[in-house]
């Protein structure tokens, strides 16, 4: 199983952060099913202040770049990206792959 960790910052506005959390508690069904359909087996997002960390797990043989490129073309995905961009410190036209920055592992136990 491969694991990727990505990060993204939200706008530093508590009301927007609260709304972003609510949006993710009620994620659109098409977004959830699209993530699973491209082969991601688990995805968690953690929040500290206005900083997010996303942990993605997928089978070792899954090409995650291709999977996320495919995800970008799935139903409602572009609409979702445009919708959540208002909360995020990024450009509205950026794809999910451009917004979420890959983190480097520096320690393992």
PDB file of N, CA and C in Angstrom:
ATOM      1  N   UNK A   1       0.862  -1.179   0.000  1.00  0.00           N
ATOM      2  CA  UNK A   1       0.000   0.000   0.000  1.00  0.00           C
ATOM      3  C   UNK A   1       0.903   1.235   0.000  1.00  0.00           C
ATOM      4  N   UNK A   2       0.600   2.169  -0.888  1.00  0.00           N
ATOM      5  CA  UNK A   2       1.340   3.434  -0.894  1.00  0.00           C
ATOM      6  C   UNK A   2       0.549   4.509  -0.156  1.00  0.00           C
ATOM      7  N   UNK A   3       1.279   5.425   0.447  1.00  0.00           N
ATOM      8  CA  UNK A   3       0.661   6.508   1.190  1.00  0.00           C
ATOM      9  C   UNK A   3       1.302   7.821   0.747  1.00  0.00           C
ATOM     10  N   UNK A   4       0.483   8.777   0.413  1.00  0.00           N
ATOM     11  CA  UNK A   4       0.944  10.126   0.081  1.00  0.00           C
ATOM     12  C   UNK A   4       0.382  11.087   1.105  1.00  0.00           C
ATOM     13  N   UNK A   5       1.158  12.098   1.429  1.00  0.00           N
ATOM     14  CA  UNK A   5       0.706  13.132   2.347  1.00  0.00           C
ATOM     15  C   UNK A   5       0.842  14.467   1.624  1.00  0.00           C
ATOM     16  N   UNK A   6      -0.252  15.212   1.598  1.00  0.00           N
ATOM     17  CA  UNK A   6      -0.284  16.505   0.908  1.00  0.00           C
ATOM     18  C   UNK A   6      -0.758  17.583   1.868  1.00  0.00           C
ATOM     19  N   UNK A   7      -0.442  18.827   1.537  1.00  0.00           N
ATOM     20  CA  UNK A   7      -0.838  19.942   2.391  1.00  0.00           C
ATOM     21  C   UNK A   7      -1.430  21.072   1.552  1.00  0.00           C
ATOM     22  N   UNK A   8      -2.254  21.859   2.195  1.00  0.00           N
ATOM     23  CA  UNK A   8      -2.898  23.011   1.571  1.00  0.00           C
ATOM     24  C   UNK A   8      -3.293  23.954   2.701  1.00  0.00           C
ATOM     25  N   UNK A   9      -3.253  25.255   2.458  1.00  0.00           N
ATOM     26  CA  UNK A   9      -3.721  26.188   3.491  1.00  0.00           C
ATOM     27  C   UNK A   9      -5.052  26.798   3.068  1.00  0.00           C
ATOM     28  N   UNK A  10      -5.858  27.057   4.074  1.00  0.00           N
ATOM     29  CA  UNK A  10      -7.136  27.735   3.879  1.00  0.00           C
ATOM     30  C   UNK A  10      -6.948  29.218   4.156  1.00  0.00           C
ATOM     31  N   UNK A  11      -7.875  29.997   3.692  1.00  0.00           N
ATOM     32  CA  UNK A  11      -7.878  31.421   4.045  1.00  0.00           C
ATOM     33  C   UNK A  11      -8.011  31.522   5.562  1.00  0.00           C
ATOM     34  N   UNK A  12      -7.298  32.440   6.152  1.00  0.00           N
ATOM     35  CA  UNK A  12      -7.264  32.566   7.606  1.00  0.00           C
ATOM     36  C   UNK A  12      -8.478  33.345   8.101  1.00  0.00           C
ATOM     37  N   UNK A  13      -9.633  32.705   8.003  1.00  0.00           N
ATOM     38  CA  UNK A  13     -10.918  33.297   8.381  1.00  0.00           C
ATOM     39  C   UNK A  13     -11.726  32.178   9.039  1.00  0.00           C
ATOM     40  N   UNK A  14     -11.957  32.282  10.334  1.00  0.00           N
ATOM     41  CA  UNK A  14     -12.564  31.180  11.077  1.00  0.00           C
ATOM     42  C   UNK A  14     -13.933  30.782  10.536  1.00  0.00           C
ATOM     43  N   UNK A  15     -14.728  31.740  10.078  1.00  0.00           N
ATOM     44  CA  UNK A  15     -16.052  31.383   9.552  1.00  0.00           C
ATOM     45  C   UNK A  15     -15.910  30.569   8.267  1.00  0.00           C
ATOM     46  N   UNK A  16     -14.935  30.918   7.417  1.00  0.00           N
ATOM     47  CA  UNK A  16     -14.695  30.129   6.204  1.00  0.00           C
ATOM     48  C   UNK A  16     -14.146  28.746   6.544  1.00  0.00           C
ATOM     49  N   UNK A  17     -13.263  28.672   7.532  1.00  0.00           N
ATOM     50  CA  UNK A  17     -12.716  27.383   7.953  1.00  0.00           C
ATOM     51  C   UNK A  17     -13.832  26.484   8.479  1.00  0.00           C
ATOM     52  N   UNK A  18     -14.721  27.042   9.298  1.00  0.00           N
ATOM     53  CA  UNK A  18     -15.851  26.271   9.823  1.00  0.00           C
ATOM     54  C   UNK A  18     -16.740  25.767   8.692  1.00  0.00           C
ATOM     55  N   UNK A  19     -16.990  26.627   7.725  1.00  0.00           N
ATOM     56  CA  UNK A  19     -17.830  26.231   6.592  1.00  0.00           C
ATOM     57  C   UNK A  19     -17.143  25.153   5.756  1.00  0.00           C
ATOM     58  N   UNK A  20     -15.837  25.275   5.551  1.00  0.00           N
ATOM     59  CA  UNK A  20     -15.070  24.264   4.813  1.00  0.00           C
ATOM     60  C   UNK A  20     -15.198  22.902   5.500  1.00  0.00           C
ATOM     61  N   UNK A  21     -15.098  22.894   6.821  1.00  0.00           N
ATOM     62  CA  UNK A  21     -15.256  21.646   7.580  1.00  0.00           C
ATOM     63  C   UNK A  21     -16.659  21.068   7.387  1.00  0.00           C
ATOM     64  N   UNK A  22     -17.676  21.912   7.459  1.00  0.00           N
ATOM     65  CA  UNK A  22     -19.051  21.456   7.240  1.00  0.00           C
ATOM     66  C   UNK A  22     -19.237  20.880   5.848  1.00  0.00           C
ATOM     67  N   UNK A  23     -18.656  21.536   4.848  1.00  0.00           N
ATOM     68  CA  UNK A  23     -18.756  21.057   3.467  1.00  0.00           C
ATOM     69  C   UNK A  23     -18.161  19.650   3.366  1.00  0.00           C
ATOM     70  N   UNK A  24     -17.068  19.408   4.054  1.00  0.00           N
ATOM     71  CA  UNK A  24     -16.425  18.093   3.974  1.00  0.00           C
ATOM     72  C   UNK A  24     -17.132  17.042   4.832  1.00  0.00           C
ATOM     73  N   UNK A  25     -17.878  17.461   5.820  1.00  0.00           N
ATOM     74  CA  UNK A  25     -18.694  16.497   6.570  1.00  0.00           C
ATOM     75  C   UNK A  25     -19.876  16.024   5.726  1.00  0.00           C
ATOM     76  N   UNK A  26     -20.238  16.824   4.745  1.00  0.00           N
ATOM     77  CA  UNK A  26     -21.368  16.520   3.852  1.00  0.00           C
ATOM     78  C   UNK A  26     -20.909  16.536   2.396  1.00  0.00           C
ATOM     79  N   UNK A  27     -19.777  15.893   2.134  1.00  0.00           N
ATOM     80  CA  UNK A  27     -19.192  15.905   0.792  1.00  0.00           C
ATOM     81  C   UNK A  27     -20.188  15.361  -0.233  1.00  0.00           C
ATOM     82  N   UNK A  28     -20.163  15.947  -1.416  1.00  0.00           N
ATOM     83  CA  UNK A  28     -21.083  15.515  -2.463  1.00  0.00           C
ATOM     84  C   UNK A  28     -20.831  14.038  -2.791  1.00  0.00           C
ATOM     85  N   UNK A  29     -21.890  13.252  -2.963  1.00  0.00           N
ATOM     86  CA  UNK A  29     -21.730  11.814  -3.234  1.00  0.00           C
ATOM     87  C   UNK A  29     -20.862  11.516  -4.463  1.00  0.00           C
ATOM     88  N   UNK A  30     -20.963  12.349  -5.488  1.00  0.00           N
ATOM     89  CA  UNK A  30     -20.174  12.123  -6.710  1.00  0.00           C
ATOM     90  C   UNK A  30     -18.674  12.259  -6.440  1.00  0.00           C
ATOM     91  N   UNK A  31     -18.305  13.110  -5.509  1.00  0.00           N
ATOM     92  CA  UNK A  31     -16.893  13.316  -5.182  1.00  0.00           C
ATOM     93  C   UNK A  31     -16.367  12.096  -4.440  1.00  0.00           C
ATOM     94  N   UNK A  32     -17.103  11.639  -3.459  1.00  0.00           N
ATOM     95  CA  UNK A  32     -16.713  10.449  -2.697  1.00  0.00           C
ATOM     96  C   UNK A  32     -16.598   9.223  -3.613  1.00  0.00           C
ATOM     97  N   UNK A  33     -17.593   9.015  -4.463  1.00  0.00           N
ATOM     98  CA  UNK A  33     -17.560   7.834  -5.334  1.00  0.00           C
ATOM     99  C   UNK A  33     -16.456   7.950  -6.388  1.00  0.00           C
ATOM    100  N   UNK A  34     -16.179   9.163  -6.884  1.00  0.00           N
ATOM    101  CA  UNK A  34     -15.110   9.348  -7.862  1.00  0.00           C
ATOM    102  C   UNK A  34     -13.746   9.015  -7.281  1.00  0.00           C
ATOM    103  N   UNK A  35     -13.505   9.425  -6.051  1.00  0.00           N
ATOM    104  CA  UNK A  35     -12.230   9.134  -5.383  1.00  0.00           C
ATOM    105  C   UNK A  35     -12.034   7.631  -5.278  1.00  0.00           C
ATOM    106  N   UNK A  36     -13.073   6.923  -4.874  1.00  0.00           N
ATOM    107  CA  UNK A  36     -12.992   5.467  -4.758  1.00  0.00           C
ATOM    108  C   UNK A  36     -12.841   4.813  -6.132  1.00  0.00           C
ATOM    109  N   UNK A  37     -13.572   5.338  -7.125  1.00  0.00           N
ATOM    110  CA  UNK A  37     -13.545   4.750  -8.459  1.00  0.00           C
ATOM    111  C   UNK A  37     -12.163   4.785  -9.103  1.00  0.00           C
ATOM    112  N   UNK A  38     -11.383   5.822  -8.826  1.00  0.00           N
ATOM    113  CA  UNK A  38     -10.047   5.903  -9.427  1.00  0.00           C
ATOM    114  C   UNK A  38      -9.021   5.045  -8.684  1.00  0.00           C
ATOM    115  N   UNK A  39      -9.421   4.414  -7.576  1.00  0.00           N
ATOM    116  CA  UNK A  39      -8.545   3.465  -6.906  1.00  0.00           C
ATOM    117  C   UNK A  39      -8.012   3.864  -5.547  1.00  0.00           C
ATOM    118  N   UNK A  40      -8.379   5.045  -5.059  1.00  0.00           N
ATOM    119  CA  UNK A  40      -7.937   5.469  -3.725  1.00  0.00           C
ATOM    120  C   UNK A  40      -8.726   4.657  -2.702  1.00  0.00           C
ATOM    121  N   UNK A  41      -8.012   4.021  -1.771  1.00  0.00           N
ATOM    122  CA  UNK A  41      -8.679   3.181  -0.781  1.00  0.00           C
ATOM    123  C   UNK A  41      -9.007   3.925   0.512  1.00  0.00           C
ATOM    124  N   UNK A  42      -8.236   4.972   0.804  1.00  0.00           N
ATOM    125  CA  UNK A  42      -8.507   5.771   2.008  1.00  0.00           C
ATOM    126  C   UNK A  42      -7.988   7.184   1.794  1.00  0.00           C
ATOM    127  N   UNK A  43      -8.722   8.145   2.341  1.00  0.00           N
ATOM    128  CA  UNK A  43      -8.311   9.539   2.278  1.00  0.00           C
ATOM    129  C   UNK A  43      -8.813  10.221   3.549  1.00  0.00           C
ATOM    130  N   UNK A  44      -7.891  10.832   4.266  1.00  0.00           N
ATOM    131  CA  UNK A  44      -8.230  11.570   5.477  1.00  0.00           C
ATOM    132  C   UNK A  44      -7.682  12.982   5.336  1.00  0.00           C
ATOM    133  N   UNK A  45      -8.406  13.950   5.888  1.00  0.00           N
ATOM    134  CA  UNK A  45      -7.933  15.334   5.914  1.00  0.00           C
ATOM    135  C   UNK A  45      -7.952  15.799   7.368  1.00  0.00           C
ATOM    136  N   UNK A  46      -6.837  16.382   7.796  1.00  0.00           N
ATOM    137  CA  UNK A  46      -6.687  16.906   9.152  1.00  0.00           C
ATOM    138  C   UNK A  46      -6.497  18.418   9.079  1.00  0.00           C
ATOM    139  N   UNK A  47      -6.937  19.101  10.126  1.00  0.00           N
ATOM    140  CA  UNK A  47      -6.885  20.557  10.189  1.00  0.00           C
ATOM    141  C   UNK A  47      -6.151  21.005  11.453  1.00  0.00           C
ATOM    142  N   UNK A  48      -5.266  21.990  11.289  1.00  0.00           N
ATOM    143  CA  UNK A  48      -4.652  22.693  12.417  1.00  0.00           C
ATOM    144  C   UNK A  48      -4.593  24.159  12.028  1.00  0.00           C
ATOM    145  N   UNK A  49      -5.345  24.989  12.747  1.00  0.00           N
ATOM    146  CA  UNK A  49      -5.427  26.401  12.377  1.00  0.00           C
ATOM    147  C   UNK A  49      -6.082  26.520  11.009  1.00  0.00           C
ATOM    148  N   UNK A  50      -5.325  27.047  10.050  1.00  0.00           N
ATOM    149  CA  UNK A  50      -5.862  27.113   8.678  1.00  0.00           C
ATOM    150  C   UNK A  50      -5.057  26.209   7.739  1.00  0.00           C
ATOM    151  N   UNK A  51      -4.315  25.256   8.315  1.00  0.00           N
ATOM    152  CA  UNK A  51      -3.509  24.339   7.518  1.00  0.00           C
ATOM    153  C   UNK A  51      -4.134  22.954   7.485  1.00  0.00           C
ATOM    154  N   UNK A  52      -4.183  22.391   6.290  1.00  0.00           N
ATOM    155  CA  UNK A  52      -4.738  21.063   6.076  1.00  0.00           C
ATOM    156  C   UNK A  52      -3.625  20.084   5.729  1.00  0.00           C
ATOM    157  N   UNK A  53      -3.796  18.850   6.159  1.00  0.00           N
ATOM    158  CA  UNK A  53      -2.948  17.742   5.747  1.00  0.00           C
ATOM    159  C   UNK A  53      -3.873  16.634   5.269  1.00  0.00           C
ATOM    160  N   UNK A  54      -3.602  16.134   4.064  1.00  0.00           N
ATOM    161  CA  UNK A  54      -4.392  15.051   3.474  1.00  0.00           C
ATOM    162  C   UNK A  54      -3.508  13.811   3.393  1.00  0.00           C
ATOM    163  N   UNK A  55      -4.026  12.688   3.880  1.00  0.00           N
ATOM    164  CA  UNK A  55      -3.323  11.417   3.787  1.00  0.00           C
ATOM    165  C   UNK A  55      -4.124  10.526   2.839  1.00  0.00           C
ATOM    166  N   UNK A  56      -3.441  10.057   1.797  1.00  0.00           N
ATOM    167  CA  UNK A  56      -4.069   9.250   0.750  1.00  0.00           C
ATOM    168  C   UNK A  56      -3.423   7.873   0.758  1.00  0.00           C
ATOM    169  N   UNK A  57      -4.226   6.826   0.740  1.00  0.00           N
ATOM    170  CA  UNK A  57      -3.712   5.469   0.620  1.00  0.00           C
ATOM    171  C   UNK A  57      -4.309   4.829  -0.622  1.00  0.00           C
ATOM    172  N   UNK A  58      -3.450   4.073  -1.314  1.00  0.00           N
ATOM    173  CA  UNK A  58      -3.862   3.410  -2.551  1.00  0.00           C
ATOM    174  C   UNK A  58      -2.956   2.200  -2.771  1.00  0.00           C
ATOM    175  N   UNK A  59      -3.398   1.250  -3.588  1.00  0.00           N
ATOM    176  CA  UNK A  59      -2.556   0.090  -3.883  1.00  0.00           C
ATOM    177  C   UNK A  59      -1.223   0.521  -4.510  1.00  0.00           C
ATOM    178  N   UNK A  60      -0.176  -0.237  -4.227  1.00  0.00           N
ATOM    179  CA  UNK A  60       1.159   0.075  -4.746  1.00  0.00           C
ATOM    180  C   UNK A  60       1.203   0.194  -6.260  1.00  0.00           C
ATOM    181  N   UNK A  61       0.377  -0.580  -6.951  1.00  0.00           N
ATOM    182  CA  UNK A  61       0.429  -0.580  -8.415  1.00  0.00           C
ATOM    183  C   UNK A  61      -0.410   0.525  -9.068  1.00  0.00           C
ATOM    184  N   UNK A  62      -1.064   1.357  -8.263  1.00  0.00           N
ATOM    185  CA  UNK A  62      -1.874   2.446  -8.820  1.00  0.00           C
ATOM    186  C   UNK A  62      -0.991   3.648  -9.132  1.00  0.00           C
ATOM    187  N   UNK A  63      -1.045   4.127 -10.358  1.00  0.00           N
ATOM    188  CA  UNK A  63      -0.348   5.357 -10.755  1.00  0.00           C
ATOM    189  C   UNK A  63      -1.229   6.516 -10.289  1.00  0.00           C
ATOM    190  N   UNK A  64      -0.844   7.124  -9.173  1.00  0.00           N
ATOM    191  CA  UNK A  64      -1.688   8.157  -8.567  1.00  0.00           C
ATOM    192  C   UNK A  64      -1.817   9.395  -9.444  1.00  0.00           C
ATOM    193  N   UNK A  65      -0.780   9.751 -10.175  1.00  0.00           N
ATOM    194  CA  UNK A  65      -0.893  10.917 -11.061  1.00  0.00           C
ATOM    195  C   UNK A  65      -1.967  10.673 -12.112  1.00  0.00           C
ATOM    196  N   UNK A  66      -1.964   9.491 -12.728  1.00  0.00           N
ATOM    197  CA  UNK A  66      -2.994   9.154 -13.715  1.00  0.00           C
ATOM    198  C   UNK A  66      -4.370   9.086 -13.072  1.00  0.00           C
ATOM    199  N   UNK A  67      -4.432   8.529 -11.866  1.00  0.00           N
ATOM    200  CA  UNK A  67      -5.712   8.414 -11.157  1.00  0.00           C
ATOM    201  C   UNK A  67      -6.313   9.783 -10.891  1.00  0.00           C
ATOM    202  N   UNK A  68      -5.476  10.732 -10.424  1.00  0.00           N
ATOM    203  CA  UNK A  68      -6.000  12.064 -10.129  1.00  0.00           C
ATOM    204  C   UNK A  68      -6.306  12.850 -11.400  1.00  0.00           C
ATOM    205  N   UNK A  69      -5.573  12.596 -12.477  1.00  0.00           N
ATOM    206  CA  UNK A  69      -5.931  13.206 -13.765  1.00  0.00           C
ATOM    207  C   UNK A  69      -7.293  12.705 -14.222  1.00  0.00           C
ATOM    208  N   UNK A  70      -7.545  11.422 -14.038  1.00  0.00           N
ATOM    209  CA  UNK A  70      -8.852  10.853 -14.390  1.00  0.00           C
ATOM    210  C   UNK A  70      -9.940  11.420 -13.489  1.00  0.00           C
ATOM    211  N   UNK A  71      -9.643  11.525 -12.197  1.00  0.00           N
ATOM    212  CA  UNK A  71     -10.618  12.074 -11.253  1.00  0.00           C
ATOM    213  C   UNK A  71     -11.056  13.480 -11.665  1.00  0.00           C
ATOM    214  N   UNK A  72     -10.128  14.276 -12.158  1.00  0.00           N
ATOM    215  CA  UNK A  72     -10.431  15.659 -12.554  1.00  0.00           C
ATOM    216  C   UNK A  72     -11.486  15.737 -13.651  1.00  0.00           C
ATOM    217  N   UNK A  73     -11.682  14.648 -14.394  1.00  0.00           N
ATOM    218  CA  UNK A  73     -12.647  14.640 -15.501  1.00  0.00           C
ATOM    219  C   UNK A  73     -13.987  14.019 -15.115  1.00  0.00           C
ATOM    220  N   UNK A  74     -14.109  13.561 -13.890  1.00  0.00           N
ATOM    221  CA  UNK A  74     -15.312  12.840 -13.482  1.00  0.00           C
ATOM    222  C   UNK A  74     -16.443  13.815 -13.113  1.00  0.00           C
ATOM    223  N   UNK A  75     -17.684  13.295 -13.090  1.00  0.00           N
ATOM    224  CA  UNK A  75     -18.849  14.150 -12.827  1.00  0.00           C
ATOM    225  C   UNK A  75     -18.727  14.988 -11.564  1.00  0.00           C
ATOM    226  N   UNK A  76     -18.982  16.269 -11.735  1.00  0.00           N
ATOM    227  CA  UNK A  76     -19.044  17.290 -10.692  1.00  0.00           C
ATOM    228  C   UNK A  76     -17.701  17.638 -10.065  1.00  0.00           C
ATOM    229  N   UNK A  77     -16.617  16.968 -10.484  1.00  0.00           N
ATOM    230  CA  UNK A  77     -15.318  17.230  -9.866  1.00  0.00           C
ATOM    231  C   UNK A  77     -14.867  18.675 -10.106  1.00  0.00           C
ATOM    232  N   UNK A  78     -14.991  19.164 -11.329  1.00  0.00           N
ATOM    233  CA  UNK A  78     -14.585  20.545 -11.621  1.00  0.00           C
ATOM    234  C   UNK A  78     -15.453  21.533 -10.845  1.00  0.00           C
ATOM    235  N   UNK A  79     -16.734  21.240 -10.766  1.00  0.00           N
ATOM    236  CA  UNK A  79     -17.649  22.093  -9.992  1.00  0.00           C
ATOM    237  C   UNK A  79     -17.235  22.115  -8.520  1.00  0.00           C
ATOM    238  N   UNK A  80     -16.865  20.947  -7.984  1.00  0.00           N
ATOM    239  CA  UNK A  80     -16.404  20.846  -6.592  1.00  0.00           C
ATOM    240  C   UNK A  80     -15.156  21.686  -6.379  1.00  0.00           C
ATOM    241  N   UNK A  81     -14.174  21.561  -7.285  1.00  0.00           N
ATOM    242  CA  UNK A  81     -12.919  22.311  -7.152  1.00  0.00           C
ATOM    243  C   UNK A  81     -13.176  23.819  -7.147  1.00  0.00           C
ATOM    244  N   UNK A  82     -14.068  24.268  -8.019  1.00  0.00           N
ATOM    245  CA  UNK A  82     -14.406  25.690  -8.069  1.00  0.00           C
ATOM    246  C   UNK A  82     -15.127  26.118  -6.792  1.00  0.00           C
ATOM    247  N   UNK A  83     -15.990  25.249  -6.267  1.00  0.00           N
ATOM    248  CA  UNK A  83     -16.749  25.557  -5.059  1.00  0.00           C
ATOM    249  C   UNK A  83     -15.834  25.692  -3.841  1.00  0.00           C
ATOM    250  N   UNK A  84     -14.923  24.734  -3.643  1.00  0.00           N
ATOM    251  CA  UNK A  84     -14.069  24.771  -2.447  1.00  0.00           C
ATOM    252  C   UNK A  84     -12.913  25.760  -2.577  1.00  0.00           C
ATOM    253  N   UNK A  85     -12.623  26.226  -3.791  1.00  0.00           N
ATOM    254  CA  UNK A  85     -11.521  27.183  -3.989  1.00  0.00           C
ATOM    255  C   UNK A  85     -11.742  28.468  -3.197  1.00  0.00           C
ATOM    256  N   UNK A  86     -12.977  28.835  -2.941  1.00  0.00           N
ATOM    257  CA  UNK A  86     -13.245  30.082  -2.212  1.00  0.00           C
ATOM    258  C   UNK A  86     -12.749  30.029  -0.765  1.00  0.00           C
ATOM    259  N   UNK A  87     -12.507  28.835  -0.252  1.00  0.00           N
ATOM    260  CA  UNK A  87     -12.000  28.663   1.105  1.00  0.00           C
ATOM    261  C   UNK A  87     -10.469  28.581   1.141  1.00  0.00           C
ATOM    262  N   UNK A  88      -9.880  28.252   0.004  1.00  0.00           N
ATOM    263  CA  UNK A  88      -8.469  27.866  -0.056  1.00  0.00           C
ATOM    264  C   UNK A  88      -7.562  29.005  -0.503  1.00  0.00           C
ATOM    265  N   UNK A  89      -6.325  28.991  -0.033  1.00  0.00           N
ATOM    266  CA  UNK A  89      -5.304  29.946  -0.475  1.00  0.00           C
ATOM    267  C   UNK A  89      -4.703  29.426  -1.780  1.00  0.00           C
ATOM    268  N   UNK A  90      -5.446  29.601  -2.862  1.00  0.00           N
ATOM    269  CA  UNK A  90      -4.996  29.135  -4.168  1.00  0.00           C
ATOM    270  C   UNK A  90      -5.814  29.849  -5.236  1.00  0.00           C
ATOM    271  N   UNK A  91      -5.420  29.642  -6.465  1.00  0.00           N
ATOM    272  CA  UNK A  91      -6.166  30.210  -7.571  1.00  0.00           C
ATOM    273  C   UNK A  91      -7.406  29.394  -7.873  1.00  0.00           C
ATOM    274  N   UNK A  92      -8.479  30.063  -8.206  1.00  0.00           N
ATOM    275  CA  UNK A  92      -9.750  29.388  -8.482  1.00  0.00           C
ATOM    276  C   UNK A  92      -9.637  28.394  -9.636  1.00  0.00           C
ATOM    277  N   UNK A  93      -8.732  28.674 -10.571  1.00  0.00           N
ATOM    278  CA  UNK A  93      -8.596  27.823 -11.752  1.00  0.00           C
ATOM    279  C   UNK A  93      -7.660  26.633 -11.527  1.00  0.00           C
ATOM    280  N   UNK A  94      -7.017  26.552 -10.364  1.00  0.00           N
ATOM    281  CA  UNK A  94      -6.086  25.454 -10.102  1.00  0.00           C
ATOM    282  C   UNK A  94      -6.810  24.134  -9.897  1.00  0.00           C
ATOM    283  N   UNK A  95      -6.209  23.062 -10.408  1.00  0.00           N
ATOM    284  CA  UNK A  95      -6.753  21.724 -10.192  1.00  0.00           C
ATOM    285  C   UNK A  95      -6.406  21.275  -8.774  1.00  0.00           C
ATOM    286  N   UNK A  96      -7.017  20.208  -8.349  1.00  0.00           N
ATOM    287  CA  UNK A  96      -6.717  19.658  -7.035  1.00  0.00           C
ATOM    288  C   UNK A  96      -5.240  19.302  -6.926  1.00  0.00           C
ATOM    289  N   UNK A  97      -4.680  18.738  -7.983  1.00  0.00           N
ATOM    290  CA  UNK A  97      -3.263  18.354  -7.987  1.00  0.00           C
ATOM    291  C   UNK A  97      -2.352  19.572  -7.843  1.00  0.00           C
ATOM    292  N   UNK A  98      -2.771  20.716  -8.355  1.00  0.00           N
ATOM    293  CA  UNK A  98      -1.974  21.938  -8.242  1.00  0.00           C
ATOM    294  C   UNK A  98      -2.118  22.587  -6.865  1.00  0.00           C
ATOM    295  N   UNK A  99      -3.287  22.469  -6.251  1.00  0.00           N
ATOM    296  CA  UNK A  99      -3.546  23.093  -4.948  1.00  0.00           C
ATOM    297  C   UNK A  99      -2.841  22.339  -3.820  1.00  0.00           C
ATOM    298  N   UNK A 100      -3.022  21.044  -3.823  1.00  0.00           N
ATOM    299  CA  UNK A 100      -2.498  20.196  -2.763  1.00  0.00           C
ATOM    300  C   UNK A 100      -1.044  19.886  -3.068  1.00  0.00           C
ATOM    301  N   UNK A 101      -0.132  20.301  -2.190  1.00  0.00           N
ATOM    302  CA  UNK A 101       1.310  20.125  -2.384  1.00  0.00           C
ATOM    303  C   UNK A 101       1.778  18.861  -1.673  1.00  0.00           C
ATOM    304  N   UNK A 102       2.544  18.051  -2.397  1.00  0.00           N
ATOM    305  CA  UNK A 102       3.065  16.807  -1.860  1.00  0.00           C
ATOM    306  C   UNK A 102       4.117  17.090  -0.793  1.00  0.00           C
ATOM    307  N   UNK A 103       3.977  16.434   0.338  1.00  0.00           N
ATOM    308  CA  UNK A 103       4.937  16.579   1.434  1.00  0.00           C
ATOM    309  C   UNK A 103       5.986  15.458   1.337  1.00  0.00           C
ATOM    310  N   UNK A 104       7.149  15.706   1.868  1.00  0.00           N
ATOM    311  CA  UNK A 104       8.226  14.705   1.880  1.00  0.00           C
ATOM    312  C   UNK A 104       8.308  14.072   3.260  1.00  0.00           C
ATOM    313  N   UNK A 105       8.408  12.746   3.268  1.00  0.00           N
ATOM    314  CA  UNK A 105       8.577  12.032   4.529  1.00  0.00           C
ATOM    315  C   UNK A 105      10.016  12.232   5.000  1.00  0.00           C
ATOM    316  N   UNK A 106      10.181  12.634   6.248  1.00  0.00           N
ATOM    317  CA  UNK A 106      11.534  12.831   6.778  1.00  0.00           C
ATOM    318  C   UNK A 106      11.847  11.887   7.942  1.00  0.00           C
ATOM    319  N   UNK A 107      10.844  11.134   8.416  1.00  0.00           N
ATOM    320  CA  UNK A 107      11.069  10.215   9.520  1.00  0.00           C
ATOM    321  C   UNK A 107      10.057   9.090   9.441  1.00  0.00           C
ATOM    322  N   UNK A 108      10.510   7.897   9.793  1.00  0.00           N
ATOM    323  CA  UNK A 108       9.602   6.746   9.873  1.00  0.00           C
ATOM    324  C   UNK A 108      10.047   5.865  11.026  1.00  0.00           C
ATOM    325  N   UNK A 109       9.099   5.311  11.775  1.00  0.00           N
ATOM    326  CA  UNK A 109       9.400   4.430  12.884  1.00  0.00           C
ATOM    327  C   UNK A 109       8.768   3.086  12.619  1.00  0.00           C
TER     328      UNK A 109
END
